[in-house]
Amino acid sequence: MNAQFKKGVLDLVLLHIVHTGPVSAYDILVKTSSGLQVNENTIYPLLRRLERDGYLKHEKQQGEMGAPKKVFLLTDVGRSHYLERLEAWRTFQKEVSHVLGGADDA
């Protein structure tokens, strides 16, 4: 898969995971690596960029073992961006499915 295409899809995947509520970077990594071939060298820089771009914010929460942990949340701008990207993805998916669905030689 093209690296730029994958990066765009991963942005959407990360925003989707975070839109459900506060989630740690480790939990994001577990959720993404179970279905996609990504690792922390991909996820952590994307999280930093999404935060720098104003789509995510982080806060400290009490961890299960007592130590505080950093969790990510969507900002209002991030929520709007996520919904726009999700709609664009769904439109793209329909368009590609339409084209591929008509191909008899696939």
C-alpha atoms as a PDB file:
ATOM      1  CA  MET A   1       0.000   0.000   0.000  1.00  0.00           C
ATOM      2  CA  ASN A   2       1.261   3.480  -0.857  1.00  0.00           C
ATOM      3  CA  ALA A   3       2.771   5.116   2.255  1.00  0.00           C
ATOM      4  CA  GLN A   4       0.924   8.425   1.736  1.00  0.00           C
ATOM      5  CA  PHE A   5      -2.405   6.633   1.254  1.00  0.00           C
ATOM      6  CA  LYS A   6      -1.767   4.532   4.365  1.00  0.00           C
ATOM      7  CA  LYS A   7      -0.892   7.649   6.369  1.00  0.00           C
ATOM      8  CA  GLY A   8      -4.192   9.275   5.420  1.00  0.00           C
ATOM      9  CA  VAL A   9      -6.131   6.168   6.354  1.00  0.00           C
ATOM     10  CA  LEU A  10      -4.250   5.855   9.652  1.00  0.00           C
ATOM     11  CA  ASP A  11      -5.178   9.432  10.546  1.00  0.00           C
ATOM     12  CA  LEU A  12      -8.832   8.486  10.149  1.00  0.00           C
ATOM     13  CA  VAL A  13      -8.356   5.242  12.097  1.00  0.00           C
ATOM     14  CA  LEU A  14      -6.702   7.064  15.016  1.00  0.00           C
ATOM     15  CA  LEU A  15      -9.385   9.748  15.077  1.00  0.00           C
ATOM     16  CA  HIS A  16     -12.043   7.029  14.988  1.00  0.00           C
ATOM     17  CA  ILE A  17     -10.532   5.207  17.966  1.00  0.00           C
ATOM     18  CA  VAL A  18     -10.197   8.409  19.984  1.00  0.00           C
ATOM     19  CA  HIS A  19     -13.704   9.681  19.149  1.00  0.00           C
ATOM     20  CA  THR A  20     -15.213   7.042  21.457  1.00  0.00           C
ATOM     21  CA  GLY A  21     -13.618   8.627  24.522  1.00  0.00           C
ATOM     22  CA  PRO A  22     -10.322   8.964  26.365  1.00  0.00           C
ATOM     23  CA  VAL A  23      -7.833   6.334  25.239  1.00  0.00           C
ATOM     24  CA  SER A  24      -4.144   5.793  25.937  1.00  0.00           C
ATOM     25  CA  ALA A  25      -1.520   5.598  23.216  1.00  0.00           C
ATOM     26  CA  TYR A  26      -0.889   1.988  24.189  1.00  0.00           C
ATOM     27  CA  ASP A  27      -4.574   1.082  23.734  1.00  0.00           C
ATOM     28  CA  ILE A  28      -4.581   2.854  20.365  1.00  0.00           C
ATOM     29  CA  LEU A  29      -1.529   0.837  19.360  1.00  0.00           C
ATOM     30  CA  VAL A  30      -3.191  -2.430  20.414  1.00  0.00           C
ATOM     31  CA  LYS A  31      -6.384  -1.610  18.488  1.00  0.00           C
ATOM     32  CA  THR A  32      -4.584  -0.569  15.306  1.00  0.00           C
ATOM     33  CA  SER A  33      -1.986  -3.321  15.261  1.00  0.00           C
ATOM     34  CA  SER A  34      -4.654  -6.013  15.578  1.00  0.00           C
ATOM     35  CA  GLY A  35      -5.971  -5.210  12.100  1.00  0.00           C
ATOM     36  CA  LEU A  36      -3.259  -3.151  10.419  1.00  0.00           C
ATOM     37  CA  GLN A  37       0.466  -3.687  10.111  1.00  0.00           C
ATOM     38  CA  VAL A  38       1.609  -0.703  12.164  1.00  0.00           C
ATOM     39  CA  ASN A  39       3.845  -0.281  15.174  1.00  0.00           C
ATOM     40  CA  GLU A  40       4.711   2.372  17.729  1.00  0.00           C
ATOM     41  CA  ASN A  41       7.186   3.984  15.309  1.00  0.00           C
ATOM     42  CA  THR A  42       4.180   4.849  13.156  1.00  0.00           C
ATOM     43  CA  ILE A  43       1.486   5.515  15.767  1.00  0.00           C
ATOM     44  CA  TYR A  44       3.312   7.792  18.212  1.00  0.00           C
ATOM     45  CA  PRO A  45       4.457  10.348  15.595  1.00  0.00           C
ATOM     46  CA  LEU A  46       0.920  10.424  14.143  1.00  0.00           C
ATOM     47  CA  LEU A  47      -0.545  11.080  17.584  1.00  0.00           C
ATOM     48  CA  ARG A  48       1.944  13.913  18.147  1.00  0.00           C
ATOM     49  CA  ARG A  49       1.103  15.432  14.749  1.00  0.00           C
ATOM     50  CA  LEU A  50      -2.665  15.169  15.303  1.00  0.00           C
ATOM     51  CA  GLU A  51      -2.198  16.859  18.670  1.00  0.00           C
ATOM     52  CA  ARG A  52       0.052  19.552  17.200  1.00  0.00           C
ATOM     53  CA  ASP A  53      -2.552  20.165  14.465  1.00  0.00           C
ATOM     54  CA  GLY A  54      -5.206  20.735  17.136  1.00  0.00           C
ATOM     55  CA  TYR A  55      -7.290  17.610  16.496  1.00  0.00           C
ATOM     56  CA  LEU A  56      -6.308  15.819  19.701  1.00  0.00           C
ATOM     57  CA  LYS A  57      -5.485  16.866  23.231  1.00  0.00           C
ATOM     58  CA  HIS A  58      -4.190  14.823  26.117  1.00  0.00           C
ATOM     59  CA  GLU A  59      -4.744  14.723  29.823  1.00  0.00           C
ATOM     60  CA  LYS A  60      -3.467  12.654  32.713  1.00  0.00           C
ATOM     61  CA  GLN A  61      -5.797  10.098  34.286  1.00  0.00           C
ATOM     62  CA  GLN A  62      -5.320   7.724  37.181  1.00  0.00           C
ATOM     63  CA  GLY A  63      -4.072   4.404  35.835  1.00  0.00           C
ATOM     64  CA  GLU A  64      -5.231   1.004  37.040  1.00  0.00           C
ATOM     65  CA  MET A  65      -1.955   0.436  38.884  1.00  0.00           C
ATOM     66  CA  GLY A  66      -2.048   3.870  40.525  1.00  0.00           C
ATOM     67  CA  ALA A  67       0.397   5.666  38.249  1.00  0.00           C
ATOM     68  CA  PRO A  68      -1.056   8.435  36.083  1.00  0.00           C
ATOM     69  CA  LYS A  69      -1.372   7.703  32.392  1.00  0.00           C
ATOM     70  CA  LYS A  70      -1.689  10.003  29.413  1.00  0.00           C
ATOM     71  CA  VAL A  71      -4.945   9.648  27.480  1.00  0.00           C
ATOM     72  CA  PHE A  72      -5.981  11.278  24.226  1.00  0.00           C
ATOM     73  CA  LEU A  73      -9.298  12.972  23.467  1.00  0.00           C
ATOM     74  CA  LEU A  74     -10.698  14.718  20.412  1.00  0.00           C
ATOM     75  CA  THR A  75     -10.918  18.488  20.479  1.00  0.00           C
ATOM     76  CA  ASP A  76     -13.995  20.186  19.004  1.00  0.00           C
ATOM     77  CA  VAL A  77     -11.960  20.885  15.873  1.00  0.00           C
ATOM     78  CA  GLY A  78     -10.836  17.252  15.881  1.00  0.00           C
ATOM     79  CA  ARG A  79     -14.416  16.013  16.095  1.00  0.00           C
ATOM     80  CA  SER A  80     -15.431  18.138  13.090  1.00  0.00           C
ATOM     81  CA  HIS A  81     -12.351  17.008  11.183  1.00  0.00           C
ATOM     82  CA  TYR A  82     -13.077  13.359  12.031  1.00  0.00           C
ATOM     83  CA  LEU A  83     -16.678  13.608  10.789  1.00  0.00           C
ATOM     84  CA  GLU A  84     -15.542  15.292   7.549  1.00  0.00           C
ATOM     85  CA  ARG A  85     -12.855  12.660   6.956  1.00  0.00           C
ATOM     86  CA  LEU A  86     -15.288   9.836   7.750  1.00  0.00           C
ATOM     87  CA  GLU A  87     -17.800  11.156   5.223  1.00  0.00           C
ATOM     88  CA  ALA A  88     -15.043  11.574   2.618  1.00  0.00           C
ATOM     89  CA  TRP A  89     -13.882   7.993   3.298  1.00  0.00           C
ATOM     90  CA  ARG A  90     -17.398   6.619   2.898  1.00  0.00           C
ATOM     91  CA  THR A  91     -17.858   8.496  -0.375  1.00  0.00           C
ATOM     92  CA  PHE A  92     -14.485   7.275  -1.647  1.00  0.00           C
ATOM     93  CA  GLN A  93     -15.303   3.716  -0.605  1.00  0.00           C
ATOM     94  CA  LYS A  94     -18.619   3.819  -2.513  1.00  0.00           C
ATOM     95  CA  GLU A  95     -16.957   5.233  -5.623  1.00  0.00           C
ATOM     96  CA  VAL A  96     -14.206   2.603  -5.626  1.00  0.00           C
ATOM     97  CA  SER A  97     -16.701  -0.187  -4.943  1.00  0.00           C
ATOM     98  CA  HIS A  98     -18.804   1.030  -7.854  1.00  0.00           C
ATOM     99  CA  VAL A  99     -15.830   0.929 -10.204  1.00  0.00           C
ATOM    100  CA  LEU A 100     -14.501  -2.405  -8.932  1.00  0.00           C
ATOM    101  CA  GLY A 101     -17.951  -3.930  -8.798  1.00  0.00           C
ATOM    102  CA  GLY A 102     -18.270  -3.445 -12.546  1.00  0.00           C
ATOM    103  CA  ALA A 103     -14.968  -5.156 -13.317  1.00  0.00           C
ATOM    104  CA  ASP A 104     -15.461  -8.684 -14.654  1.00  0.00           C
ATOM    105  CA  ASP A 105     -11.757  -9.399 -15.005  1.00  0.00           C
ATOM    106  CA  ALA A 106     -10.772  -8.823 -11.369  1.00  0.00           C
END
